[in-house]
Amino acid sequence: MRARDTQALEEATVSYAVIATGGKQYRVQPGQKLTVEKIDGDIGDTVELPAVMVVDDAGVTAGGDVVGRMVTATITEQGRGDKIRVFTYKNKSRQHKRRGHRQYQTTITVDSI
């Protein structure tokens, strides 16, 4: 990337970014609250997530290595999601099983891109 291109990216106003965490991609903006898969850390810690794509006044910049920007977020809550009921049933054999699962989740607030 040339210095002129880098300077143009720094001066542009960021509309939103796409981040990847926990095997999923999320569209985020500064100030947004988001619930994602578990991220290690305590409440109040700051985490940096790499931006996959950034949309700003200069246009769209995509590609993890090309973007070179980080999304800074603060961990606001650690917990578990709602219980999901899993019911397996086999016909004519009187066999059924009920299980439950609660996924670990982290709630973050996006500070800056």
PDB file of N, CA and C in Angstrom:
ATOM      1  N   MET A   1       0.828  -1.163   0.000  1.00  0.00           N
ATOM      2  CA  MET A   1       0.000   0.000   0.000  1.00  0.00           C
ATOM      3  C   MET A   1       0.883   1.240   0.000  1.00  0.00           C
ATOM      4  N   ARG A   2       0.571   2.194  -0.833  1.00  0.00           N
ATOM      5  CA  ARG A   2       1.365   3.407  -0.892  1.00  0.00           C
ATOM      6  C   ARG A   2       1.021   4.324   0.267  1.00  0.00           C
ATOM      7  N   ALA A   3       1.925   5.238   0.587  1.00  0.00           N
ATOM      8  CA  ALA A   3       1.718   6.169   1.694  1.00  0.00           C
ATOM      9  C   ALA A   3       0.496   7.056   1.442  1.00  0.00           C
ATOM     10  N   ARG A   4       0.279   7.443   0.193  1.00  0.00           N
ATOM     11  CA  ARG A   4      -0.856   8.291  -0.133  1.00  0.00           C
ATOM     12  C   ARG A   4      -2.164   7.548   0.144  1.00  0.00           C
ATOM     13  N   ASP A   5      -2.223   6.258  -0.197  1.00  0.00           N
ATOM     14  CA  ASP A   5      -3.416   5.465   0.054  1.00  0.00           C
ATOM     15  C   ASP A   5      -3.663   5.303   1.554  1.00  0.00           C
ATOM     16  N   THR A   6      -2.606   5.086   2.320  1.00  0.00           N
ATOM     17  CA  THR A   6      -2.724   4.939   3.761  1.00  0.00           C
ATOM     18  C   THR A   6      -3.243   6.223   4.393  1.00  0.00           C
ATOM     19  N   GLN A   7      -2.744   7.354   3.935  1.00  0.00           N
ATOM     20  CA  GLN A   7      -3.177   8.643   4.470  1.00  0.00           C
ATOM     21  C   GLN A   7      -4.653   8.887   4.149  1.00  0.00           C
ATOM     22  N   ALA A   8      -5.091   8.513   2.968  1.00  0.00           N
ATOM     23  CA  ALA A   8      -6.486   8.693   2.588  1.00  0.00           C
ATOM     24  C   ALA A   8      -7.392   7.826   3.458  1.00  0.00           C
ATOM     25  N   LEU A   9      -6.951   6.610   3.806  1.00  0.00           N
ATOM     26  CA  LEU A   9      -7.741   5.742   4.656  1.00  0.00           C
ATOM     27  C   LEU A   9      -7.879   6.303   6.062  1.00  0.00           C
ATOM     28  N   GLU A  10      -6.801   6.929   6.595  1.00  0.00           N
ATOM     29  CA  GLU A  10      -6.832   7.472   7.938  1.00  0.00           C
ATOM     30  C   GLU A  10      -7.746   8.685   8.031  1.00  0.00           C
ATOM     31  N   GLU A  11      -7.856   9.467   6.968  1.00  0.00           N
ATOM     32  CA  GLU A  11      -8.657  10.677   6.988  1.00  0.00           C
ATOM     33  C   GLU A  11     -10.131  10.405   6.741  1.00  0.00           C
ATOM     34  N   ALA A  12     -10.474   9.264   6.162  1.00  0.00           N
ATOM     35  CA  ALA A  12     -11.851   8.960   5.802  1.00  0.00           C
ATOM     36  C   ALA A  12     -12.671   8.626   7.052  1.00  0.00           C
ATOM     37  N   THR A  13     -13.953   8.944   7.013  1.00  0.00           N
ATOM     38  CA  THR A  13     -14.863   8.624   8.085  1.00  0.00           C
ATOM     39  C   THR A  13     -15.393   7.206   7.874  1.00  0.00           C
ATOM     40  N   VAL A  14     -15.278   6.378   8.902  1.00  0.00           N
ATOM     41  CA  VAL A  14     -15.670   4.984   8.797  1.00  0.00           C
ATOM     42  C   VAL A  14     -17.178   4.859   9.002  1.00  0.00           C
ATOM     43  N   SER A  15     -17.859   4.216   8.059  1.00  0.00           N
ATOM     44  CA  SER A  15     -19.289   3.960   8.196  1.00  0.00           C
ATOM     45  C   SER A  15     -19.532   2.690   8.998  1.00  0.00           C
ATOM     46  N   TYR A  16     -18.908   1.588   8.597  1.00  0.00           N
ATOM     47  CA  TYR A  16     -19.009   0.340   9.336  1.00  0.00           C
ATOM     48  C   TYR A  16     -17.854  -0.572   8.945  1.00  0.00           C
ATOM     49  N   ALA A  17     -17.722  -1.663   9.697  1.00  0.00           N
ATOM     50  CA  ALA A  17     -16.689  -2.658   9.420  1.00  0.00           C
ATOM     51  C   ALA A  17     -17.304  -4.042   9.601  1.00  0.00           C
ATOM     52  N   VAL A  18     -16.665  -5.040   9.027  1.00  0.00           N
ATOM     53  CA  VAL A  18     -17.062  -6.434   9.203  1.00  0.00           C
ATOM     54  C   VAL A  18     -15.918  -7.128   9.935  1.00  0.00           C
ATOM     55  N   ILE A  19     -16.244  -7.774  11.062  1.00  0.00           N
ATOM     56  CA  ILE A  19     -15.233  -8.497  11.832  1.00  0.00           C
ATOM     57  C   ILE A  19     -15.562  -9.978  11.813  1.00  0.00           C
ATOM     58  N   ALA A  20     -14.562 -10.798  12.071  1.00  0.00           N
ATOM     59  CA  ALA A  20     -14.757 -12.247  12.139  1.00  0.00           C
ATOM     60  C   ALA A  20     -14.306 -12.723  13.507  1.00  0.00           C
ATOM     61  N   THR A  21     -15.209 -13.386  14.231  1.00  0.00           N
ATOM     62  CA  THR A  21     -14.875 -13.976  15.514  1.00  0.00           C
ATOM     63  C   THR A  21     -15.798 -15.157  15.771  1.00  0.00           C
ATOM     64  N   GLY A  22     -15.257 -16.214  16.323  1.00  0.00           N
ATOM     65  CA  GLY A  22     -16.057 -17.392  16.638  1.00  0.00           C
ATOM     66  C   GLY A  22     -16.598 -18.106  15.420  1.00  0.00           C
ATOM     67  N   GLY A  23     -15.927 -17.975  14.272  1.00  0.00           N
ATOM     68  CA  GLY A  23     -16.376 -18.653  13.069  1.00  0.00           C
ATOM     69  C   GLY A  23     -17.514 -17.954  12.349  1.00  0.00           C
ATOM     70  N   LYS A  24     -17.850 -16.747  12.790  1.00  0.00           N
ATOM     71  CA  LYS A  24     -18.924 -15.982  12.165  1.00  0.00           C
ATOM     72  C   LYS A  24     -18.421 -14.581  11.843  1.00  0.00           C
ATOM     73  N   GLN A  25     -19.123 -13.907  10.949  1.00  0.00           N
ATOM     74  CA  GLN A  25     -18.788 -12.522  10.612  1.00  0.00           C
ATOM     75  C   GLN A  25     -19.920 -11.613  11.065  1.00  0.00           C
ATOM     76  N   TYR A  26     -19.551 -10.442  11.583  1.00  0.00           N
ATOM     77  CA  TYR A  26     -20.519  -9.489  12.094  1.00  0.00           C
ATOM     78  C   TYR A  26     -20.252  -8.111  11.504  1.00  0.00           C
ATOM     79  N   ARG A  27     -21.329  -7.387  11.199  1.00  0.00           N
ATOM     80  CA  ARG A  27     -21.235  -6.007  10.720  1.00  0.00           C
ATOM     81  C   ARG A  27     -21.344  -5.113  11.951  1.00  0.00           C
ATOM     82  N   VAL A  28     -20.332  -4.273  12.204  1.00  0.00           N
ATOM     83  CA  VAL A  28     -20.304  -3.461  13.417  1.00  0.00           C
ATOM     84  C   VAL A  28     -20.079  -1.989  13.095  1.00  0.00           C
ATOM     85  N   GLN A  29     -20.566  -1.129  14.000  1.00  0.00           N
ATOM     86  CA  GLN A  29     -20.365   0.304  13.948  1.00  0.00           C
ATOM     87  C   GLN A  29     -19.922   0.749  15.330  1.00  0.00           C
ATOM     88  N   PRO A  30     -19.231   1.886  15.438  1.00  0.00           N
ATOM     89  CA  PRO A  30     -18.846   2.370  16.765  1.00  0.00           C
ATOM     90  C   PRO A  30     -20.069   2.617  17.648  1.00  0.00           C
ATOM     91  N   GLY A  31     -19.991   2.173  18.908  1.00  0.00           N
ATOM     92  CA  GLY A  31     -21.070   2.337  19.859  1.00  0.00           C
ATOM     93  C   GLY A  31     -22.060   1.193  19.893  1.00  0.00           C
ATOM     94  N   GLN A  32     -21.924   0.220  19.014  1.00  0.00           N
ATOM     95  CA  GLN A  32     -22.862  -0.897  18.911  1.00  0.00           C
ATOM     96  C   GLN A  32     -22.565  -1.960  19.956  1.00  0.00           C
ATOM     97  N   LYS A  33     -23.625  -2.556  20.552  1.00  0.00           N
ATOM     98  CA  LYS A  33     -23.480  -3.697  21.446  1.00  0.00           C
ATOM     99  C   LYS A  33     -23.717  -4.960  20.642  1.00  0.00           C
ATOM    100  N   LEU A  34     -22.931  -5.990  20.931  1.00  0.00           N
ATOM    101  CA  LEU A  34     -22.962  -7.200  20.127  1.00  0.00           C
ATOM    102  C   LEU A  34     -22.699  -8.405  21.025  1.00  0.00           C
ATOM    103  N   THR A  35     -23.440  -9.498  20.822  1.00  0.00           N
ATOM    104  CA  THR A  35     -23.221 -10.741  21.542  1.00  0.00           C
ATOM    105  C   THR A  35     -22.560 -11.731  20.594  1.00  0.00           C
ATOM    106  N   VAL A  36     -21.362 -12.209  20.981  1.00  0.00           N
ATOM    107  CA  VAL A  36     -20.569 -13.099  20.140  1.00  0.00           C
ATOM    108  C   VAL A  36     -20.194 -14.349  20.931  1.00  0.00           C
ATOM    109  N   GLU A  37     -19.548 -15.294  20.259  1.00  0.00           N
ATOM    110  CA  GLU A  37     -19.032 -16.477  20.947  1.00  0.00           C
ATOM    111  C   GLU A  37     -18.036 -16.042  22.019  1.00  0.00           C
ATOM    112  N   LYS A  38     -17.767 -16.899  22.973  1.00  0.00           N
ATOM    113  CA  LYS A  38     -16.929 -16.550  24.119  1.00  0.00           C
ATOM    114  C   LYS A  38     -15.560 -16.036  23.703  1.00  0.00           C
ATOM    115  N   ILE A  39     -15.195 -14.894  24.284  1.00  0.00           N
ATOM    116  CA  ILE A  39     -13.865 -14.302  24.123  1.00  0.00           C
ATOM    117  C   ILE A  39     -13.234 -14.276  25.505  1.00  0.00           C
ATOM    118  N   ASP A  40     -11.987 -14.737  25.622  1.00  0.00           N
ATOM    119  CA  ASP A  40     -11.309 -14.745  26.914  1.00  0.00           C
ATOM    120  C   ASP A  40     -11.072 -13.316  27.384  1.00  0.00           C
ATOM    121  N   GLY A  41     -11.301 -13.074  28.656  1.00  0.00           N
ATOM    122  CA  GLY A  41     -11.082 -11.765  29.251  1.00  0.00           C
ATOM    123  C   GLY A  41     -12.113 -11.503  30.336  1.00  0.00           C
ATOM    124  N   ASP A  42     -11.859 -10.460  31.110  1.00  0.00           N
ATOM    125  CA  ASP A  42     -12.764 -10.076  32.186  1.00  0.00           C
ATOM    126  C   ASP A  42     -13.619  -8.892  31.750  1.00  0.00           C
ATOM    127  N   ILE A  43     -14.670  -8.625  32.509  1.00  0.00           N
ATOM    128  CA  ILE A  43     -15.533  -7.487  32.212  1.00  0.00           C
ATOM    129  C   ILE A  43     -14.714  -6.208  32.360  1.00  0.00           C
ATOM    130  N   GLY A  44     -14.795  -5.334  31.367  1.00  0.00           N
ATOM    131  CA  GLY A  44     -14.040  -4.092  31.354  1.00  0.00           C
ATOM    132  C   GLY A  44     -12.749  -4.160  30.555  1.00  0.00           C
ATOM    133  N   ASP A  45     -12.318  -5.371  30.180  1.00  0.00           N
ATOM    134  CA  ASP A  45     -11.110  -5.514  29.369  1.00  0.00           C
ATOM    135  C   ASP A  45     -11.369  -5.033  27.949  1.00  0.00           C
ATOM    136  N   THR A  46     -10.319  -4.551  27.305  1.00  0.00           N
ATOM    137  CA  THR A  46     -10.390  -4.113  25.914  1.00  0.00           C
ATOM    138  C   THR A  46      -9.809  -5.209  25.031  1.00  0.00           C
ATOM    139  N   VAL A  47     -10.531  -5.536  23.957  1.00  0.00           N
ATOM    140  CA  VAL A  47     -10.062  -6.542  23.003  1.00  0.00           C
ATOM    141  C   VAL A  47      -9.967  -5.901  21.622  1.00  0.00           C
ATOM    142  N   GLU A  48      -9.037  -6.395  20.822  1.00  0.00           N
ATOM    143  CA  GLU A  48      -8.889  -5.928  19.446  1.00  0.00           C
ATOM    144  C   GLU A  48      -9.218  -7.078  18.513  1.00  0.00           C
ATOM    145  N   LEU A  49     -10.131  -6.825  17.577  1.00  0.00           N
ATOM    146  CA  LEU A  49     -10.548  -7.825  16.606  1.00  0.00           C
ATOM    147  C   LEU A  49     -10.169  -7.328  15.218  1.00  0.00           C
ATOM    148  N   PRO A  50      -9.558  -8.171  14.389  1.00  0.00           N
ATOM    149  CA  PRO A  50      -9.169  -7.717  13.048  1.00  0.00           C
ATOM    150  C   PRO A  50     -10.381  -7.481  12.154  1.00  0.00           C
ATOM    151  N   ALA A  51     -10.341  -6.389  11.400  1.00  0.00           N
ATOM    152  CA  ALA A  51     -11.423  -6.070  10.469  1.00  0.00           C
ATOM    153  C   ALA A  51     -11.204  -6.815   9.161  1.00  0.00           C
ATOM    154  N   VAL A  52     -12.242  -7.469   8.661  1.00  0.00           N
ATOM    155  CA  VAL A  52     -12.178  -8.191   7.394  1.00  0.00           C
ATOM    156  C   VAL A  52     -12.479  -7.237   6.247  1.00  0.00           C
ATOM    157  N   MET A  53     -13.401  -6.295   6.510  1.00  0.00           N
ATOM    158  CA  MET A  53     -13.788  -5.325   5.495  1.00  0.00           C
ATOM    159  C   MET A  53     -14.144  -4.017   6.186  1.00  0.00           C
ATOM    160  N   VAL A  54     -13.756  -2.883   5.580  1.00  0.00           N
ATOM    161  CA  VAL A  54     -14.082  -1.564   6.115  1.00  0.00           C
ATOM    162  C   VAL A  54     -14.733  -0.750   5.018  1.00  0.00           C
ATOM    163  N   VAL A  55     -15.871  -0.114   5.336  1.00  0.00           N
ATOM    164  CA  VAL A  55     -16.564   0.763   4.400  1.00  0.00           C
ATOM    165  C   VAL A  55     -16.484   2.171   4.958  1.00  0.00           C
ATOM    166  N   ASP A  56     -15.894   3.088   4.170  1.00  0.00           N
ATOM    167  CA  ASP A  56     -15.768   4.472   4.598  1.00  0.00           C
ATOM    168  C   ASP A  56     -15.929   5.397   3.400  1.00  0.00           C
ATOM    169  N   ASP A  57     -15.605   6.689   3.586  1.00  0.00           N
ATOM    170  CA  ASP A  57     -15.751   7.659   2.504  1.00  0.00           C
ATOM    171  C   ASP A  57     -14.864   7.322   1.310  1.00  0.00           C
ATOM    172  N   ALA A  58     -13.723   6.691   1.560  1.00  0.00           N
ATOM    173  CA  ALA A  58     -12.788   6.366   0.482  1.00  0.00           C
ATOM    174  C   ALA A  58     -13.264   5.168  -0.331  1.00  0.00           C
ATOM    175  N   GLY A  59     -14.237   4.434   0.155  1.00  0.00           N
ATOM    176  CA  GLY A  59     -14.753   3.265  -0.561  1.00  0.00           C
ATOM    177  C   GLY A  59     -14.721   2.034   0.315  1.00  0.00           C
ATOM    178  N   VAL A  60     -14.732   0.887  -0.341  1.00  0.00           N
ATOM    179  CA  VAL A  60     -14.731  -0.391   0.360  1.00  0.00           C
ATOM    180  C   VAL A  60     -13.334  -0.984   0.295  1.00  0.00           C
ATOM    181  N   THR A  61     -12.812  -1.373   1.457  1.00  0.00           N
ATOM    182  CA  THR A  61     -11.517  -2.044   1.529  1.00  0.00           C
ATOM    183  C   THR A  61     -11.764  -3.422   2.107  1.00  0.00           C
ATOM    184  N   ALA A  62     -11.405  -4.465   1.378  1.00  0.00           N
ATOM    185  CA  ALA A  62     -11.675  -5.828   1.825  1.00  0.00           C
ATOM    186  C   ALA A  62     -10.379  -6.636   1.856  1.00  0.00           C
ATOM    187  N   GLY A  63     -10.402  -7.716   2.602  1.00  0.00           N
ATOM    188  CA  GLY A  63      -9.243  -8.596   2.707  1.00  0.00           C
ATOM    189  C   GLY A  63      -8.530  -8.344   4.013  1.00  0.00           C
ATOM    190  N   GLY A  64      -8.364  -9.378   4.826  1.00  0.00           N
ATOM    191  CA  GLY A  64      -7.786  -9.236   6.160  1.00  0.00           C
ATOM    192  C   GLY A  64      -6.424  -8.579   6.194  1.00  0.00           C
ATOM    193  N   ASP A  65      -5.515  -8.978   5.294  1.00  0.00           N
ATOM    194  CA  ASP A  65      -4.171  -8.413   5.298  1.00  0.00           C
ATOM    195  C   ASP A  65      -4.146  -7.021   4.680  1.00  0.00           C
ATOM    196  N   VAL A  66      -5.024  -6.771   3.730  1.00  0.00           N
ATOM    197  CA  VAL A  66      -5.028  -5.488   3.027  1.00  0.00           C
ATOM    198  C   VAL A  66      -5.606  -4.390   3.904  1.00  0.00           C
ATOM    199  N   VAL A  67      -6.626  -4.702   4.663  1.00  0.00           N
ATOM    200  CA  VAL A  67      -7.289  -3.688   5.486  1.00  0.00           C
ATOM    201  C   VAL A  67      -6.330  -3.162   6.539  1.00  0.00           C
ATOM    202  N   GLY A  68      -5.735  -4.045   7.311  1.00  0.00           N
ATOM    203  CA  GLY A  68      -4.758  -3.640   8.302  1.00  0.00           C
ATOM    204  C   GLY A  68      -5.329  -2.816   9.444  1.00  0.00           C
ATOM    205  N   ARG A  69      -6.615  -2.851   9.669  1.00  0.00           N
ATOM    206  CA  ARG A  69      -7.242  -2.094  10.745  1.00  0.00           C
ATOM    207  C   ARG A  69      -7.759  -3.051  11.800  1.00  0.00           C
ATOM    208  N   MET A  70      -7.861  -2.542  13.015  1.00  0.00           N
ATOM    209  CA  MET A  70      -8.378  -3.327  14.125  1.00  0.00           C
ATOM    210  C   MET A  70      -9.617  -2.647  14.677  1.00  0.00           C
ATOM    211  N   VAL A  71     -10.572  -3.443  15.107  1.00  0.00           N
ATOM    212  CA  VAL A  71     -11.764  -2.937  15.775  1.00  0.00           C
ATOM    213  C   VAL A  71     -11.530  -3.106  17.273  1.00  0.00           C
ATOM    214  N   THR A  72     -11.623  -2.009  18.010  1.00  0.00           N
ATOM    215  CA  THR A  72     -11.411  -2.032  19.452  1.00  0.00           C
ATOM    216  C   THR A  72     -12.765  -2.121  20.142  1.00  0.00           C
ATOM    217  N   ALA A  73     -12.897  -3.072  21.070  1.00  0.00           N
ATOM    218  CA  ALA A  73     -14.167  -3.277  21.773  1.00  0.00           C
ATOM    219  C   ALA A  73     -13.894  -3.530  23.249  1.00  0.00           C
ATOM    220  N   THR A  74     -14.899  -3.248  24.074  1.00  0.00           N
ATOM    221  CA  THR A  74     -14.826  -3.464  25.508  1.00  0.00           C
ATOM    222  C   THR A  74     -15.791  -4.577  25.891  1.00  0.00           C
ATOM    223  N   ILE A  75     -15.314  -5.513  26.708  1.00  0.00           N
ATOM    224  CA  ILE A  75     -16.158  -6.607  27.173  1.00  0.00           C
ATOM    225  C   ILE A  75     -17.089  -6.062  28.256  1.00  0.00           C
ATOM    226  N   THR A  76     -18.402  -6.196  28.035  1.00  0.00           N
ATOM    227  CA  THR A  76     -19.373  -5.688  28.999  1.00  0.00           C
ATOM    228  C   THR A  76     -20.063  -6.793  29.790  1.00  0.00           C
ATOM    229  N   GLU A  77     -20.052  -8.027  29.265  1.00  0.00           N
ATOM    230  CA  GLU A  77     -20.725  -9.113  29.973  1.00  0.00           C
ATOM    231  C   GLU A  77     -20.193 -10.462  29.513  1.00  0.00           C
ATOM    232  N   GLN A  78     -20.034 -11.381  30.458  1.00  0.00           N
ATOM    233  CA  GLN A  78     -19.679 -12.768  30.165  1.00  0.00           C
ATOM    234  C   GLN A  78     -20.818 -13.631  30.693  1.00  0.00           C
ATOM    235  N   GLY A  79     -21.264 -14.590  29.934  1.00  0.00           N
ATOM    236  CA  GLY A  79     -22.354 -15.425  30.426  1.00  0.00           C
ATOM    237  C   GLY A  79     -22.647 -16.573  29.496  1.00  0.00           C
ATOM    238  N   ARG A  80     -23.857 -17.094  29.641  1.00  0.00           N
ATOM    239  CA  ARG A  80     -24.299 -18.206  28.816  1.00  0.00           C
ATOM    240  C   ARG A  80     -25.631 -17.841  28.189  1.00  0.00           C
ATOM    241  N   GLY A  81     -25.873 -18.399  27.016  1.00  0.00           N
ATOM    242  CA  GLY A  81     -27.100 -18.121  26.282  1.00  0.00           C
ATOM    243  C   GLY A  81     -28.277 -18.902  26.833  1.00  0.00           C
ATOM    244  N   ASP A  82     -29.403 -18.760  26.173  1.00  0.00           N
ATOM    245  CA  ASP A  82     -30.602 -19.490  26.558  1.00  0.00           C
ATOM    246  C   ASP A  82     -30.412 -20.987  26.320  1.00  0.00           C
ATOM    247  N   LYS A  83     -31.130 -21.782  27.108  1.00  0.00           N
ATOM    248  CA  LYS A  83     -31.036 -23.232  26.954  1.00  0.00           C
ATOM    249  C   LYS A  83     -31.753 -23.668  25.686  1.00  0.00           C
ATOM    250  N   ILE A  84     -31.086 -24.489  24.913  1.00  0.00           N
ATOM    251  CA  ILE A  84     -31.654 -25.054  23.701  1.00  0.00           C
ATOM    252  C   ILE A  84     -32.055 -26.487  24.009  1.00  0.00           C
ATOM    253  N   ARG A  85     -33.305 -26.840  23.725  1.00  0.00           N
ATOM    254  CA  ARG A  85     -33.793 -28.198  23.960  1.00  0.00           C
ATOM    255  C   ARG A  85     -33.532 -29.044  22.721  1.00  0.00           C
ATOM    256  N   VAL A  86     -32.869 -30.175  22.920  1.00  0.00           N
ATOM    257  CA  VAL A  86     -32.607 -31.124  21.843  1.00  0.00           C
ATOM    258  C   VAL A  86     -33.369 -32.394  22.175  1.00  0.00           C
ATOM    259  N   PHE A  87     -34.237 -32.806  21.284  1.00  0.00           N
ATOM    260  CA  PHE A  87     -35.075 -33.980  21.529  1.00  0.00           C
ATOM    261  C   PHE A  87     -34.844 -34.988  20.417  1.00  0.00           C
ATOM    262  N   THR A  88     -34.362 -36.164  20.782  1.00  0.00           N
ATOM    263  CA  THR A  88     -34.173 -37.226  19.799  1.00  0.00           C
ATOM    264  C   THR A  88     -35.241 -38.288  20.034  1.00  0.00           C
ATOM    265  N   TYR A  89     -35.732 -38.852  18.945  1.00  0.00           N
ATOM    266  CA  TYR A  89     -36.839 -39.795  19.028  1.00  0.00           C
ATOM    267  C   TYR A  89     -36.676 -40.859  17.951  1.00  0.00           C
ATOM    268  N   LYS A  90     -36.877 -42.094  18.345  1.00  0.00           N
ATOM    269  CA  LYS A  90     -36.869 -43.182  17.377  1.00  0.00           C
ATOM    270  C   LYS A  90     -38.242 -43.828  17.365  1.00  0.00           C
ATOM    271  N   ASN A  91     -38.811 -43.887  16.207  1.00  0.00           N
ATOM    272  CA  ASN A  91     -40.161 -44.387  16.050  1.00  0.00           C
ATOM    273  C   ASN A  91     -40.242 -45.894  16.356  1.00  0.00           C
ATOM    274  N   LYS A  92     -41.315 -46.320  16.981  1.00  0.00           N
ATOM    275  CA  LYS A  92     -41.655 -47.719  17.244  1.00  0.00           C
ATOM    276  C   LYS A  92     -40.721 -48.429  18.217  1.00  0.00           C
ATOM    277  N   SER A  93     -39.823 -47.713  18.856  1.00  0.00           N
ATOM    278  CA  SER A  93     -38.926 -48.390  19.791  1.00  0.00           C
ATOM    279  C   SER A  93     -39.014 -47.808  21.206  1.00  0.00           C
ATOM    280  N   ARG A  94     -39.912 -46.863  21.386  1.00  0.00           N
ATOM    281  CA  ARG A  94     -40.099 -46.203  22.681  1.00  0.00           C
ATOM    282  C   ARG A  94     -38.810 -45.596  23.195  1.00  0.00           C
ATOM    283  N   GLN A  95     -38.024 -45.103  22.302  1.00  0.00           N
ATOM    284  CA  GLN A  95     -36.739 -44.517  22.676  1.00  0.00           C
ATOM    285  C   GLN A  95     -36.783 -43.020  22.399  1.00  0.00           C
ATOM    286  N   HIS A  96     -36.577 -42.232  23.437  1.00  0.00           N
ATOM    287  CA  HIS A  96     -36.487 -40.789  23.270  1.00  0.00           C
ATOM    288  C   HIS A  96     -35.564 -40.223  24.345  1.00  0.00           C
ATOM    289  N   LYS A  97     -34.941 -39.114  24.026  1.00  0.00           N
ATOM    290  CA  LYS A  97     -33.974 -38.518  24.926  1.00  0.00           C
ATOM    291  C   LYS A  97     -34.079 -37.002  24.820  1.00  0.00           C
ATOM    292  N   ARG A  98     -34.071 -36.326  25.929  1.00  0.00           N
ATOM    293  CA  ARG A  98     -34.111 -34.867  25.941  1.00  0.00           C
ATOM    294  C   ARG A  98     -32.805 -34.360  26.552  1.00  0.00           C
ATOM    295  N   ARG A  99     -32.169 -33.453  25.860  1.00  0.00           N
ATOM    296  CA  ARG A  99     -30.916 -32.868  26.331  1.00  0.00           C
ATOM    297  C   ARG A  99     -31.027 -31.359  26.286  1.00  0.00           C
ATOM    298  N   GLY A 100     -30.164 -30.705  27.006  1.00  0.00           N
ATOM    299  CA  GLY A 100     -30.124 -29.250  26.975  1.00  0.00           C
ATOM    300  C   GLY A 100     -28.709 -28.777  26.719  1.00  0.00           C
ATOM    301  N   HIS A 101     -28.581 -27.576  26.179  1.00  0.00           N
ATOM    302  CA  HIS A 101     -27.269 -27.012  25.891  1.00  0.00           C
ATOM    303  C   HIS A 101     -27.325 -25.504  26.068  1.00  0.00           C
ATOM    304  N   ARG A 102     -26.320 -24.940  26.721  1.00  0.00           N
ATOM    305  CA  ARG A 102     -26.216 -23.491  26.861  1.00  0.00           C
ATOM    306  C   ARG A 102     -24.827 -23.069  26.390  1.00  0.00           C
ATOM    307  N   GLN A 103     -24.777 -22.242  25.368  1.00  0.00           N
ATOM    308  CA  GLN A 103     -23.520 -21.799  24.774  1.00  0.00           C
ATOM    309  C   GLN A 103     -22.935 -20.633  25.572  1.00  0.00           C
ATOM    310  N   TYR A 104     -21.616 -20.633  25.770  1.00  0.00           N
ATOM    311  CA  TYR A 104     -20.936 -19.510  26.414  1.00  0.00           C
ATOM    312  C   TYR A 104     -20.904 -18.334  25.452  1.00  0.00           C
ATOM    313  N   GLN A 105     -21.218 -17.131  25.953  1.00  0.00           N
ATOM    314  CA  GLN A 105     -21.288 -15.940  25.118  1.00  0.00           C
ATOM    315  C   GLN A 105     -20.619 -14.766  25.815  1.00  0.00           C
ATOM    316  N   THR A 106     -20.179 -13.803  24.999  1.00  0.00           N
ATOM    317  CA  THR A 106     -19.587 -12.569  25.483  1.00  0.00           C
ATOM    318  C   THR A 106     -20.312 -11.405  24.817  1.00  0.00           C
ATOM    319  N   THR A 107     -20.700 -10.413  25.604  1.00  0.00           N
ATOM    320  CA  THR A 107     -21.297  -9.199  25.062  1.00  0.00           C
ATOM    321  C   THR A 107     -20.226  -8.121  25.026  1.00  0.00           C
ATOM    322  N   ILE A 108     -20.037  -7.511  23.854  1.00  0.00           N
ATOM    323  CA  ILE A 108     -19.022  -6.474  23.692  1.00  0.00           C
ATOM    324  C   ILE A 108     -19.681  -5.192  23.196  1.00  0.00           C
ATOM    325  N   THR A 109     -19.010  -4.069  23.482  1.00  0.00           N
ATOM    326  CA  THR A 109     -19.412  -2.771  22.961  1.00  0.00           C
ATOM    327  C   THR A 109     -18.278  -2.268  22.082  1.00  0.00           C
ATOM    328  N   VAL A 110     -18.564  -1.957  20.825  1.00  0.00           N
ATOM    329  CA  VAL A 110     -17.539  -1.512  19.882  1.00  0.00           C
ATOM    330  C   VAL A 110     -17.191  -0.066  20.184  1.00  0.00           C
ATOM    331  N   ASP A 111     -15.897   0.189  20.457  1.00  0.00           N
ATOM    332  CA  ASP A 111     -15.437   1.538  20.771  1.00  0.00           C
ATOM    333  C   ASP A 111     -15.018   2.305  19.534  1.00  0.00           C
ATOM    334  N   SER A 112     -14.137   1.701  18.741  1.00  0.00           N
ATOM    335  CA  SER A 112     -13.631   2.396  17.559  1.00  0.00           C
ATOM    336  C   SER A 112     -13.172   1.396  16.511  1.00  0.00           C
ATOM    337  N   ILE A 113     -13.039   1.916  15.288  1.00  0.00           N
ATOM    338  CA  ILE A 113     -12.564   1.093  14.174  1.00  0.00           C
ATOM    339  C   ILE A 113     -11.266   1.691  13.674  1.00  0.00           C
TER     340      ILE A 113
END
